[in-house]
Amino acid sequence: MITRRGVLKLLAGGWFAGLALLGYATGAEAMGRPRATRIRLAPKRWAPGLRLRVAVLSDIHACDPWMGPDRIRAICAEANALQADLILLLGDYATSMKLVTGYPPFAETAAALSTLRARLGVHAILGNHDYWADPDFQEERSETSVMGEALTEAGIPVYVNRAVRIDNDGQPFWLAGLGDQMAYRPSRRFNRRGFVGIDDLETTLSGIADDAPVILMAHEPYVFPAVPERVALTLSGHTHGGQINFFGWAPFVDNPADLAHLYGHYRGEHGDLVVSRGIGCSAIPMRIGAWPEIVLLELGEA
């Protein structure tokens, strides 16, 4: 028989368990030191003998007190310690989260990221929040993002529908960056009924002039089914691994496209995709079952 005292004990136990879970979600994981997730991979269209160590950082979401410039610099120091040949930033340095005490200026976030160091450079694309946090862009008074300009001024090249050829000791490869697929938010004023992207995959790949392997940076993984076989590897973020993920069940993810490629390595018919869980938080300052990560790719035959 369940007594009144027993019911009270159950309620109290549930209340304390809820507090403990909340504390863990907003503390241990949301503020946790990113783990290095190592993935060894030899894509189909990779060149024999070409070996690269690539560190991937995504979804910083700068804001106080969760992700201020000091924490970003500490994360950059961790990435530098991995001694990658190449560091790639996959977008969403800004945030739209409301549970904050302030938003660092874009220039401060870019300055913190400029402490990253790699032999073949640090390269970036932009994410949807970088455009959403820019009123001029959303009101169609600007074709560029303030965050993108801040990164460029800090010495980090930003790729929007373009590619660059990089020479790795005589073994070249191409690095391509796709424009964001959700850059414009819905707006009655501008007759935008849904999200509108500035992505142009054909233009992004049009400048690739030889058979060297191609790495494509695309903030959202949605484009992956359309990526041609010419691209060896696609790298994405955006999903946060669900951000709250109970053993594969991500209750706050309602987009089937996100669930299709939530995080990790996927091998498709025409190429490979790696989706990072990212580092920061979006919407709410919580992570459960989706520990922040820096992805370290070891590309090429062992």
C-alpha atoms as a PDB file:
ATOM      1  CA  MET A   1       0.000   0.000   0.000  1.00  0.00           C
ATOM      2  CA  ILE A   2       1.336   3.435  -0.933  1.00  0.00           C
ATOM      3  CA  THR A   3       1.192   5.788   2.013  1.00  0.00           C
ATOM      4  CA  ARG A   4       1.090   9.561   2.057  1.00  0.00           C
ATOM      5  CA  ARG A   5       4.669   9.555   3.320  1.00  0.00           C
ATOM      6  CA  GLY A   6       5.675   7.276   0.460  1.00  0.00           C
ATOM      7  CA  VAL A   7       4.101   9.590  -2.104  1.00  0.00           C
ATOM      8  CA  LEU A   8       5.921  12.566  -0.589  1.00  0.00           C
ATOM      9  CA  LYS A   9       9.213  10.671  -0.727  1.00  0.00           C
ATOM     10  CA  LEU A  10       8.642   9.848  -4.390  1.00  0.00           C
ATOM     11  CA  LEU A  11       7.819  13.462  -5.200  1.00  0.00           C
ATOM     12  CA  ALA A  12      10.839  14.724  -3.280  1.00  0.00           C
ATOM     13  CA  GLY A  13      13.057  12.169  -4.964  1.00  0.00           C
ATOM     14  CA  GLY A  14      11.766  13.197  -8.377  1.00  0.00           C
ATOM     15  CA  TRP A  15      12.265  16.858  -7.569  1.00  0.00           C
ATOM     16  CA  PHE A  16      15.884  16.340  -6.469  1.00  0.00           C
ATOM     17  CA  ALA A  17      16.564  14.100  -9.468  1.00  0.00           C
ATOM     18  CA  GLY A  18      15.207  16.827 -11.745  1.00  0.00           C
ATOM     19  CA  LEU A  19      17.446  19.411 -10.095  1.00  0.00           C
ATOM     20  CA  ALA A  20      20.443  17.107 -10.441  1.00  0.00           C
ATOM     21  CA  LEU A  21      19.705  16.523 -14.139  1.00  0.00           C
ATOM     22  CA  LEU A  22      19.260  20.251 -14.712  1.00  0.00           C
ATOM     23  CA  GLY A  23      22.533  20.987 -12.965  1.00  0.00           C
ATOM     24  CA  TYR A  24      24.308  18.350 -15.034  1.00  0.00           C
ATOM     25  CA  ALA A  25      22.806  19.581 -18.305  1.00  0.00           C
ATOM     26  CA  THR A  26      23.689  23.240 -17.731  1.00  0.00           C
ATOM     27  CA  GLY A  27      27.009  22.546 -16.056  1.00  0.00           C
ATOM     28  CA  ALA A  28      28.836  19.319 -16.795  1.00  0.00           C
ATOM     29  CA  GLU A  29      28.025  19.060 -20.499  1.00  0.00           C
ATOM     30  CA  ALA A  30      27.060  22.579 -21.559  1.00  0.00           C
ATOM     31  CA  MET A  31      30.200  23.995 -19.908  1.00  0.00           C
ATOM     32  CA  GLY A  32      32.309  20.879 -20.338  1.00  0.00           C
ATOM     33  CA  ARG A  33      35.748  20.769 -21.852  1.00  0.00           C
ATOM     34  CA  PRO A  34      35.359  19.582 -25.459  1.00  0.00           C
ATOM     35  CA  ARG A  35      36.485  16.048 -26.131  1.00  0.00           C
ATOM     36  CA  ALA A  36      38.581  15.191 -29.163  1.00  0.00           C
ATOM     37  CA  THR A  37      36.612  12.746 -31.308  1.00  0.00           C
ATOM     38  CA  ARG A  38      39.092  10.960 -33.572  1.00  0.00           C
ATOM     39  CA  ILE A  39      37.868   9.590 -36.876  1.00  0.00           C
ATOM     40  CA  ARG A  40      40.224   7.764 -39.238  1.00  0.00           C
ATOM     41  CA  LEU A  41      38.886   7.820 -42.764  1.00  0.00           C
ATOM     42  CA  ALA A  42      39.986   7.039 -46.312  1.00  0.00           C
ATOM     43  CA  PRO A  43      37.303   8.549 -48.599  1.00  0.00           C
ATOM     44  CA  LYS A  44      36.626   6.958 -51.977  1.00  0.00           C
ATOM     45  CA  ARG A  45      37.953   9.895 -53.997  1.00  0.00           C
ATOM     46  CA  TRP A  46      41.020  10.458 -51.824  1.00  0.00           C
ATOM     47  CA  ALA A  47      44.483  10.610 -53.417  1.00  0.00           C
ATOM     48  CA  PRO A  48      46.930   7.782 -52.646  1.00  0.00           C
ATOM     49  CA  GLY A  49      49.628   8.961 -50.266  1.00  0.00           C
ATOM     50  CA  LEU A  50      47.780  12.117 -49.185  1.00  0.00           C
ATOM     51  CA  ARG A  51      47.514  12.157 -45.411  1.00  0.00           C
ATOM     52  CA  LEU A  52      45.965  15.001 -43.444  1.00  0.00           C
ATOM     53  CA  ARG A  53      45.092  15.690 -39.826  1.00  0.00           C
ATOM     54  CA  VAL A  54      42.083  18.023 -39.804  1.00  0.00           C
ATOM     55  CA  ALA A  55      40.588  19.589 -36.662  1.00  0.00           C
ATOM     56  CA  VAL A  56      36.934  20.586 -37.022  1.00  0.00           C
ATOM     57  CA  LEU A  57      35.182  23.089 -34.726  1.00  0.00           C
ATOM     58  CA  SER A  58      31.525  23.927 -35.141  1.00  0.00           C
ATOM     59  CA  ASP A  59      28.668  25.786 -33.460  1.00  0.00           C
ATOM     60  CA  ILE A  60      30.592  27.969 -31.013  1.00  0.00           C
ATOM     61  CA  HIS A  61      27.512  30.132 -30.256  1.00  0.00           C
ATOM     62  CA  ALA A  62      29.325  32.920 -28.406  1.00  0.00           C
ATOM     63  CA  CYS A  63      27.394  34.414 -25.487  1.00  0.00           C
ATOM     64  CA  ASP A  64      27.869  35.298 -21.827  1.00  0.00           C
ATOM     65  CA  PRO A  65      28.117  33.528 -19.471  1.00  0.00           C
ATOM     66  CA  TRP A  66      28.113  30.250 -21.413  1.00  0.00           C
ATOM     67  CA  MET A  67      30.650  30.910 -24.171  1.00  0.00           C
ATOM     68  CA  GLY A  68      32.606  34.118 -23.634  1.00  0.00           C
ATOM     69  CA  PRO A  69      35.884  35.044 -25.354  1.00  0.00           C
ATOM     70  CA  ASP A  70      38.005  33.521 -22.569  1.00  0.00           C
ATOM     71  CA  ARG A  71      36.348  30.123 -22.950  1.00  0.00           C
ATOM     72  CA  ILE A  72      36.673  30.333 -26.744  1.00  0.00           C
ATOM     73  CA  ARG A  73      40.402  31.026 -26.407  1.00  0.00           C
ATOM     74  CA  ALA A  74      40.763  28.043 -24.056  1.00  0.00           C
ATOM     75  CA  ILE A  75      38.985  25.820 -26.595  1.00  0.00           C
ATOM     76  CA  CYS A  76      41.257  27.147 -29.339  1.00  0.00           C
ATOM     77  CA  ALA A  77      44.281  26.233 -27.213  1.00  0.00           C
ATOM     78  CA  GLU A  78      42.926  22.670 -26.959  1.00  0.00           C
ATOM     79  CA  ALA A  79      42.496  22.542 -30.727  1.00  0.00           C
ATOM     80  CA  ASN A  80      46.037  23.834 -31.261  1.00  0.00           C
ATOM     81  CA  ALA A  81      47.387  21.111 -28.983  1.00  0.00           C
ATOM     82  CA  LEU A  82      46.041  18.482 -31.417  1.00  0.00           C
ATOM     83  CA  GLN A  83      48.672  19.682 -33.930  1.00  0.00           C
ATOM     84  CA  ALA A  84      46.372  19.376 -36.917  1.00  0.00           C
ATOM     85  CA  ASP A  85      47.588  20.232 -40.402  1.00  0.00           C
ATOM     86  CA  LEU A  86      44.359  22.126 -41.077  1.00  0.00           C
ATOM     87  CA  ILE A  87      41.685  23.671 -38.849  1.00  0.00           C
ATOM     88  CA  LEU A  88      38.180  24.120 -40.223  1.00  0.00           C
ATOM     89  CA  LEU A  89      35.424  26.228 -38.650  1.00  0.00           C
ATOM     90  CA  LEU A  90      31.933  25.169 -39.717  1.00  0.00           C
ATOM     91  CA  GLY A  91      29.851  28.181 -38.689  1.00  0.00           C
ATOM     92  CA  ASP A  92      27.456  29.462 -36.027  1.00  0.00           C
ATOM     93  CA  TYR A  93      29.831  31.654 -34.049  1.00  0.00           C
ATOM     94  CA  ALA A  94      26.845  33.835 -33.104  1.00  0.00           C
ATOM     95  CA  THR A  95      23.711  32.780 -31.230  1.00  0.00           C
ATOM     96  CA  SER A  96      20.044  33.639 -30.988  1.00  0.00           C
ATOM     97  CA  MET A  97      19.666  32.207 -27.479  1.00  0.00           C
ATOM     98  CA  LYS A  98      17.834  34.490 -25.038  1.00  0.00           C
ATOM     99  CA  LEU A  99      18.999  32.938 -21.741  1.00  0.00           C
ATOM    100  CA  VAL A 100      22.185  34.990 -21.675  1.00  0.00           C
ATOM    101  CA  THR A 101      23.691  37.948 -19.848  1.00  0.00           C
ATOM    102  CA  GLY A 102      25.187  39.442 -22.992  1.00  0.00           C
ATOM    103  CA  TYR A 103      26.515  38.894 -26.487  1.00  0.00           C
ATOM    104  CA  PRO A 104      30.231  39.487 -27.147  1.00  0.00           C
ATOM    105  CA  PRO A 105      30.919  41.791 -30.096  1.00  0.00           C
ATOM    106  CA  PHE A 106      31.564  39.831 -33.267  1.00  0.00           C
ATOM    107  CA  ALA A 107      35.082  41.276 -33.405  1.00  0.00           C
ATOM    108  CA  GLU A 108      35.888  39.829 -29.954  1.00  0.00           C
ATOM    109  CA  THR A 109      34.674  36.385 -30.982  1.00  0.00           C
ATOM    110  CA  ALA A 110      36.731  36.575 -34.180  1.00  0.00           C
ATOM    111  CA  ALA A 111      39.784  37.735 -32.242  1.00  0.00           C
ATOM    112  CA  ALA A 112      39.494  34.751 -29.904  1.00  0.00           C
ATOM    113  CA  LEU A 113      39.204  32.376 -32.868  1.00  0.00           C
ATOM    114  CA  SER A 114      42.220  33.991 -34.502  1.00  0.00           C
ATOM    115  CA  THR A 115      44.403  32.314 -31.853  1.00  0.00           C
ATOM    116  CA  LEU A 116      43.941  29.028 -33.740  1.00  0.00           C
ATOM    117  CA  ARG A 117      47.085  27.797 -35.491  1.00  0.00           C
ATOM    118  CA  ALA A 118      47.630  25.132 -38.150  1.00  0.00           C
ATOM    119  CA  ARG A 119      50.336  24.453 -40.746  1.00  0.00           C
ATOM    120  CA  LEU A 120      47.898  24.748 -43.664  1.00  0.00           C
ATOM    121  CA  GLY A 121      45.846  27.499 -42.082  1.00  0.00           C
ATOM    122  CA  VAL A 122      42.479  28.099 -40.439  1.00  0.00           C
ATOM    123  CA  HIS A 123      39.480  28.284 -42.775  1.00  0.00           C
ATOM    124  CA  ALA A 124      35.817  29.078 -42.104  1.00  0.00           C
ATOM    125  CA  ILE A 125      32.286  29.058 -43.399  1.00  0.00           C
ATOM    126  CA  LEU A 126      29.259  30.747 -41.834  1.00  0.00           C
ATOM    127  CA  GLY A 127      26.154  29.203 -40.277  1.00  0.00           C
ATOM    128  CA  ASN A 128      22.528  30.232 -40.103  1.00  0.00           C
ATOM    129  CA  HIS A 129      22.887  32.035 -36.747  1.00  0.00           C
ATOM    130  CA  ASP A 130      25.690  34.202 -38.144  1.00  0.00           C
ATOM    131  CA  TYR A 131      23.170  35.560 -40.633  1.00  0.00           C
ATOM    132  CA  TRP A 132      20.186  35.578 -38.279  1.00  0.00           C
ATOM    133  CA  ALA A 133      22.103  37.760 -35.804  1.00  0.00           C
ATOM    134  CA  ASP A 134      22.709  40.389 -38.510  1.00  0.00           C
ATOM    135  CA  PRO A 135      19.638  42.679 -38.900  1.00  0.00           C
ATOM    136  CA  ASP A 136      20.991  44.395 -42.008  1.00  0.00           C
ATOM    137  CA  PHE A 137      21.413  41.079 -43.764  1.00  0.00           C
ATOM    138  CA  GLN A 138      17.944  39.887 -42.751  1.00  0.00           C
ATOM    139  CA  GLU A 139      16.421  43.147 -43.976  1.00  0.00           C
ATOM    140  CA  GLU A 140      18.270  42.688 -47.286  1.00  0.00           C
ATOM    141  CA  ARG A 141      20.343  45.814 -46.819  1.00  0.00           C
ATOM    142  CA  SER A 142      23.603  43.887 -46.946  1.00  0.00           C
ATOM    143  CA  GLU A 143      24.967  40.994 -48.988  1.00  0.00           C
ATOM    144  CA  THR A 144      27.614  40.071 -46.432  1.00  0.00           C
ATOM    145  CA  SER A 145      27.503  39.098 -42.781  1.00  0.00           C
ATOM    146  CA  VAL A 146      29.072  41.196 -40.043  1.00  0.00           C
ATOM    147  CA  MET A 147      30.405  37.988 -38.506  1.00  0.00           C
ATOM    148  CA  GLY A 148      32.001  37.040 -41.801  1.00  0.00           C
ATOM    149  CA  GLU A 149      33.633  40.443 -42.081  1.00  0.00           C
ATOM    150  CA  ALA A 150      34.932  40.158 -38.506  1.00  0.00           C
ATOM    151  CA  LEU A 151      36.544  36.790 -39.234  1.00  0.00           C
ATOM    152  CA  THR A 152      38.114  38.089 -42.433  1.00  0.00           C
ATOM    153  CA  GLU A 153      39.531  41.121 -40.626  1.00  0.00           C
ATOM    154  CA  ALA A 154      40.929  38.774 -37.967  1.00  0.00           C
ATOM    155  CA  GLY A 155      42.857  36.911 -40.672  1.00  0.00           C
ATOM    156  CA  ILE A 156      40.536  33.890 -41.097  1.00  0.00           C
ATOM    157  CA  PRO A 157      39.362  33.387 -44.702  1.00  0.00           C
ATOM    158  CA  VAL A 158      35.630  32.804 -45.087  1.00  0.00           C
ATOM    159  CA  TYR A 159      34.245  30.724 -47.950  1.00  0.00           C
ATOM    160  CA  VAL A 160      30.818  31.463 -49.409  1.00  0.00           C
ATOM    161  CA  ASN A 161      30.180  29.360 -52.524  1.00  0.00           C
ATOM    162  CA  ARG A 162      33.823  29.159 -53.498  1.00  0.00           C
ATOM    163  CA  ALA A 163      36.777  26.792 -53.389  1.00  0.00           C
ATOM    164  CA  VAL A 164      40.538  27.131 -52.992  1.00  0.00           C
ATOM    165  CA  ARG A 165      43.352  24.755 -53.947  1.00  0.00           C
ATOM    166  CA  ILE A 166      45.765  23.981 -51.121  1.00  0.00           C
ATOM    167  CA  ASP A 167      49.172  22.395 -51.634  1.00  0.00           C
ATOM    168  CA  ASN A 168      50.305  19.932 -48.973  1.00  0.00           C
ATOM    169  CA  ASP A 169      53.986  19.344 -49.706  1.00  0.00           C
ATOM    170  CA  GLY A 170      53.302  18.650 -53.359  1.00  0.00           C
ATOM    171  CA  GLN A 171      50.032  16.798 -52.728  1.00  0.00           C
ATOM    172  CA  PRO A 172      47.176  19.200 -53.512  1.00  0.00           C
ATOM    173  CA  PHE A 173      43.567  19.126 -52.428  1.00  0.00           C
ATOM    174  CA  TRP A 174      40.601  21.477 -52.768  1.00  0.00           C
ATOM    175  CA  LEU A 175      38.743  23.092 -49.898  1.00  0.00           C
ATOM    176  CA  ALA A 176      35.243  24.294 -50.771  1.00  0.00           C
ATOM    177  CA  GLY A 177      32.775  26.262 -48.655  1.00  0.00           C
ATOM    178  CA  LEU A 178      29.030  26.267 -49.342  1.00  0.00           C
ATOM    179  CA  GLY A 179      26.861  29.303 -48.595  1.00  0.00           C
ATOM    180  CA  ASP A 180      24.454  28.736 -45.743  1.00  0.00           C
ATOM    181  CA  GLN A 181      21.271  26.821 -46.577  1.00  0.00           C
ATOM    182  CA  MET A 182      19.090  28.735 -44.055  1.00  0.00           C
ATOM    183  CA  ALA A 183      20.623  32.213 -44.206  1.00  0.00           C
ATOM    184  CA  TYR A 184      17.313  34.129 -44.369  1.00  0.00           C
ATOM    185  CA  ARG A 185      14.634  33.613 -41.735  1.00  0.00           C
ATOM    186  CA  PRO A 186      10.936  33.588 -42.665  1.00  0.00           C
ATOM    187  CA  SER A 187       9.572  37.124 -42.993  1.00  0.00           C
ATOM    188  CA  ARG A 188       6.167  38.489 -43.994  1.00  0.00           C
ATOM    189  CA  ARG A 189       7.736  41.837 -44.765  1.00  0.00           C
ATOM    190  CA  PHE A 190       9.978  40.300 -47.397  1.00  0.00           C
ATOM    191  CA  ASN A 191       7.516  37.615 -48.469  1.00  0.00           C
ATOM    192  CA  ARG A 192       9.699  34.800 -47.187  1.00  0.00           C
ATOM    193  CA  ARG A 193       7.398  31.979 -46.139  1.00  0.00           C
ATOM    194  CA  GLY A 194      10.239  29.692 -45.084  1.00  0.00           C
ATOM    195  CA  PHE A 195      13.982  29.695 -44.669  1.00  0.00           C
ATOM    196  CA  VAL A 196      15.899  30.831 -47.739  1.00  0.00           C
ATOM    197  CA  GLY A 197      19.468  29.777 -48.399  1.00  0.00           C
ATOM    198  CA  ILE A 198      22.296  31.429 -50.254  1.00  0.00           C
ATOM    199  CA  ASP A 199      23.876  28.074 -51.087  1.00  0.00           C
ATOM    200  CA  ASP A 200      24.964  27.388 -54.653  1.00  0.00           C
ATOM    201  CA  LEU A 201      26.644  24.007 -54.930  1.00  0.00           C
ATOM    202  CA  GLU A 202      27.252  24.267 -58.673  1.00  0.00           C
ATOM    203  CA  THR A 203      29.053  27.605 -58.311  1.00  0.00           C
ATOM    204  CA  THR A 204      30.984  26.345 -55.286  1.00  0.00           C
ATOM    205  CA  LEU A 205      32.457  23.465 -57.276  1.00  0.00           C
ATOM    206  CA  SER A 206      32.743  25.235 -60.638  1.00  0.00           C
ATOM    207  CA  GLY A 207      36.246  26.559 -60.019  1.00  0.00           C
ATOM    208  CA  ILE A 208      37.748  23.153 -59.282  1.00  0.00           C
ATOM    209  CA  ALA A 209      40.098  22.633 -62.182  1.00  0.00           C
ATOM    210  CA  ASP A 210      41.837  19.288 -61.611  1.00  0.00           C
ATOM    211  CA  ASP A 211      41.369  15.838 -60.079  1.00  0.00           C
ATOM    212  CA  ALA A 212      42.735  16.634 -56.620  1.00  0.00           C
ATOM    213  CA  PRO A 213      40.459  15.521 -53.739  1.00  0.00           C
ATOM    214  CA  VAL A 214      37.723  17.905 -52.581  1.00  0.00           C
ATOM    215  CA  ILE A 215      36.653  18.619 -49.003  1.00  0.00           C
ATOM    216  CA  LEU A 216      33.317  20.442 -48.823  1.00  0.00           C
ATOM    217  CA  MET A 217      32.340  22.500 -45.778  1.00  0.00           C
ATOM    218  CA  ALA A 218      28.552  22.869 -45.464  1.00  0.00           C
ATOM    219  CA  HIS A 219      27.113  24.095 -42.156  1.00  0.00           C
ATOM    220  CA  GLU A 220      23.884  22.085 -42.450  1.00  0.00           C
ATOM    221  CA  PRO A 221      24.196  18.448 -43.615  1.00  0.00           C
ATOM    222  CA  TYR A 222      20.998  18.752 -45.675  1.00  0.00           C
ATOM    223  CA  VAL A 223      22.937  19.153 -48.926  1.00  0.00           C
ATOM    224  CA  PHE A 224      24.712  15.803 -48.610  1.00  0.00           C
ATOM    225  CA  PRO A 225      22.312  13.749 -50.802  1.00  0.00           C
ATOM    226  CA  ALA A 226      22.928  16.235 -53.638  1.00  0.00           C
ATOM    227  CA  VAL A 227      26.722  16.335 -53.299  1.00  0.00           C
ATOM    228  CA  PRO A 228      28.305  14.769 -56.400  1.00  0.00           C
ATOM    229  CA  GLU A 229      30.835  11.946 -56.379  1.00  0.00           C
ATOM    230  CA  ARG A 230      33.549  14.483 -57.249  1.00  0.00           C
ATOM    231  CA  VAL A 231      33.542  15.548 -53.574  1.00  0.00           C
ATOM    232  CA  ALA A 232      35.487  13.145 -51.370  1.00  0.00           C
ATOM    233  CA  LEU A 233      34.291  14.384 -47.989  1.00  0.00           C
ATOM    234  CA  THR A 234      31.539  16.691 -46.717  1.00  0.00           C
ATOM    235  CA  LEU A 235      31.860  18.252 -43.248  1.00  0.00           C
ATOM    236  CA  SER A 236      28.873  19.682 -41.376  1.00  0.00           C
ATOM    237  CA  GLY A 237      27.696  20.817 -37.962  1.00  0.00           C
ATOM    238  CA  HIS A 238      24.371  22.501 -37.080  1.00  0.00           C
ATOM    239  CA  THR A 239      22.622  19.545 -35.407  1.00  0.00           C
ATOM    240  CA  HIS A 240      24.514  19.665 -32.062  1.00  0.00           C
ATOM    241  CA  GLY A 241      24.050  15.906 -32.004  1.00  0.00           C
ATOM    242  CA  GLY A 242      20.508  16.688 -30.919  1.00  0.00           C
ATOM    243  CA  GLN A 243      21.927  18.744 -27.998  1.00  0.00           C
ATOM    244  CA  ILE A 244      19.644  16.700 -25.717  1.00  0.00           C
ATOM    245  CA  ASN A 245      20.075  13.085 -26.733  1.00  0.00           C
ATOM    246  CA  PHE A 246      18.845  10.171 -24.642  1.00  0.00           C
ATOM    247  CA  PHE A 247      20.635   7.167 -26.186  1.00  0.00           C
ATOM    248  CA  GLY A 248      19.656   8.137 -29.720  1.00  0.00           C
ATOM    249  CA  TRP A 249      16.320   9.742 -28.877  1.00  0.00           C
ATOM    250  CA  ALA A 250      16.557  13.486 -29.528  1.00  0.00           C
ATOM    251  CA  PRO A 251      13.198  14.885 -28.299  1.00  0.00           C
ATOM    252  CA  PHE A 252      13.867  18.489 -29.348  1.00  0.00           C
ATOM    253  CA  VAL A 253      14.812  17.641 -32.930  1.00  0.00           C
ATOM    254  CA  ASP A 254      11.717  17.812 -35.110  1.00  0.00           C
ATOM    255  CA  ASN A 255      13.378  18.104 -38.523  1.00  0.00           C
ATOM    256  CA  PRO A 256      13.659  14.698 -40.242  1.00  0.00           C
ATOM    257  CA  ALA A 257      16.673  16.034 -42.146  1.00  0.00           C
ATOM    258  CA  ASP A 258      18.485  16.591 -38.837  1.00  0.00           C
ATOM    259  CA  LEU A 259      17.611  13.108 -37.604  1.00  0.00           C
ATOM    260  CA  ALA A 260      18.928  11.588 -40.831  1.00  0.00           C
ATOM    261  CA  HIS A 261      22.452  12.844 -40.102  1.00  0.00           C
ATOM    262  CA  LEU A 262      22.525  13.724 -36.414  1.00  0.00           C
ATOM    263  CA  TYR A 263      26.247  13.300 -35.742  1.00  0.00           C
ATOM    264  CA  GLY A 264      29.222  11.140 -36.614  1.00  0.00           C
ATOM    265  CA  HIS A 265      30.436   9.498 -39.819  1.00  0.00           C
ATOM    266  CA  TYR A 266      28.099   8.501 -42.639  1.00  0.00           C
ATOM    267  CA  ARG A 267      29.140   6.748 -45.844  1.00  0.00           C
ATOM    268  CA  GLY A 268      26.809   7.531 -48.705  1.00  0.00           C
ATOM    269  CA  GLU A 269      26.579   6.167 -52.214  1.00  0.00           C
ATOM    270  CA  HIS A 270      28.798   8.909 -53.628  1.00  0.00           C
ATOM    271  CA  GLY A 271      30.966   9.997 -50.700  1.00  0.00           C
ATOM    272  CA  ASP A 272      31.482  10.469 -46.986  1.00  0.00           C
ATOM    273  CA  LEU A 273      29.892  12.857 -44.499  1.00  0.00           C
ATOM    274  CA  VAL A 274      31.067  13.756 -40.998  1.00  0.00           C
ATOM    275  CA  VAL A 275      28.700  15.740 -38.759  1.00  0.00           C
ATOM    276  CA  SER A 276      30.107  17.383 -35.641  1.00  0.00           C
ATOM    277  CA  ARG A 277      28.164  17.699 -32.385  1.00  0.00           C
ATOM    278  CA  GLY A 278      29.730  21.148 -32.046  1.00  0.00           C
ATOM    279  CA  ILE A 279      30.693  22.994 -28.897  1.00  0.00           C
ATOM    280  CA  GLY A 280      28.103  25.588 -27.833  1.00  0.00           C
ATOM    281  CA  CYS A 281      24.360  25.601 -27.209  1.00  0.00           C
ATOM    282  CA  SER A 282      21.367  26.896 -29.118  1.00  0.00           C
ATOM    283  CA  ALA A 283      17.886  27.814 -27.801  1.00  0.00           C
ATOM    284  CA  ILE A 284      18.655  26.597 -24.264  1.00  0.00           C
ATOM    285  CA  PRO A 285      21.998  26.366 -22.401  1.00  0.00           C
ATOM    286  CA  MET A 286      21.818  22.590 -21.948  1.00  0.00           C
ATOM    287  CA  ARG A 287      23.473  19.482 -23.310  1.00  0.00           C
ATOM    288  CA  ILE A 288      22.610  15.923 -22.347  1.00  0.00           C
ATOM    289  CA  GLY A 289      24.147  12.967 -24.149  1.00  0.00           C
ATOM    290  CA  ALA A 290      25.821  15.295 -26.653  1.00  0.00           C
ATOM    291  CA  TRP A 291      29.143  16.255 -25.093  1.00  0.00           C
ATOM    292  CA  PRO A 292      30.928  19.164 -26.843  1.00  0.00           C
ATOM    293  CA  GLU A 293      33.548  17.943 -29.261  1.00  0.00           C
ATOM    294  CA  ILE A 294      36.426  18.871 -31.513  1.00  0.00           C
ATOM    295  CA  VAL A 295      36.510  16.384 -34.359  1.00  0.00           C
ATOM    296  CA  LEU A 296      40.008  15.269 -35.334  1.00  0.00           C
ATOM    297  CA  LEU A 297      40.044  13.638 -38.762  1.00  0.00           C
ATOM    298  CA  GLU A 298      42.941  11.478 -39.851  1.00  0.00           C
ATOM    299  CA  LEU A 299      42.479  11.319 -43.606  1.00  0.00           C
ATOM    300  CA  GLY A 300      44.230   8.895 -45.904  1.00  0.00           C
ATOM    301  CA  GLU A 301      45.533   5.351 -45.761  1.00  0.00           C
ATOM    302  CA  ALA A 302      47.252   4.391 -42.526  1.00  0.00           C
END
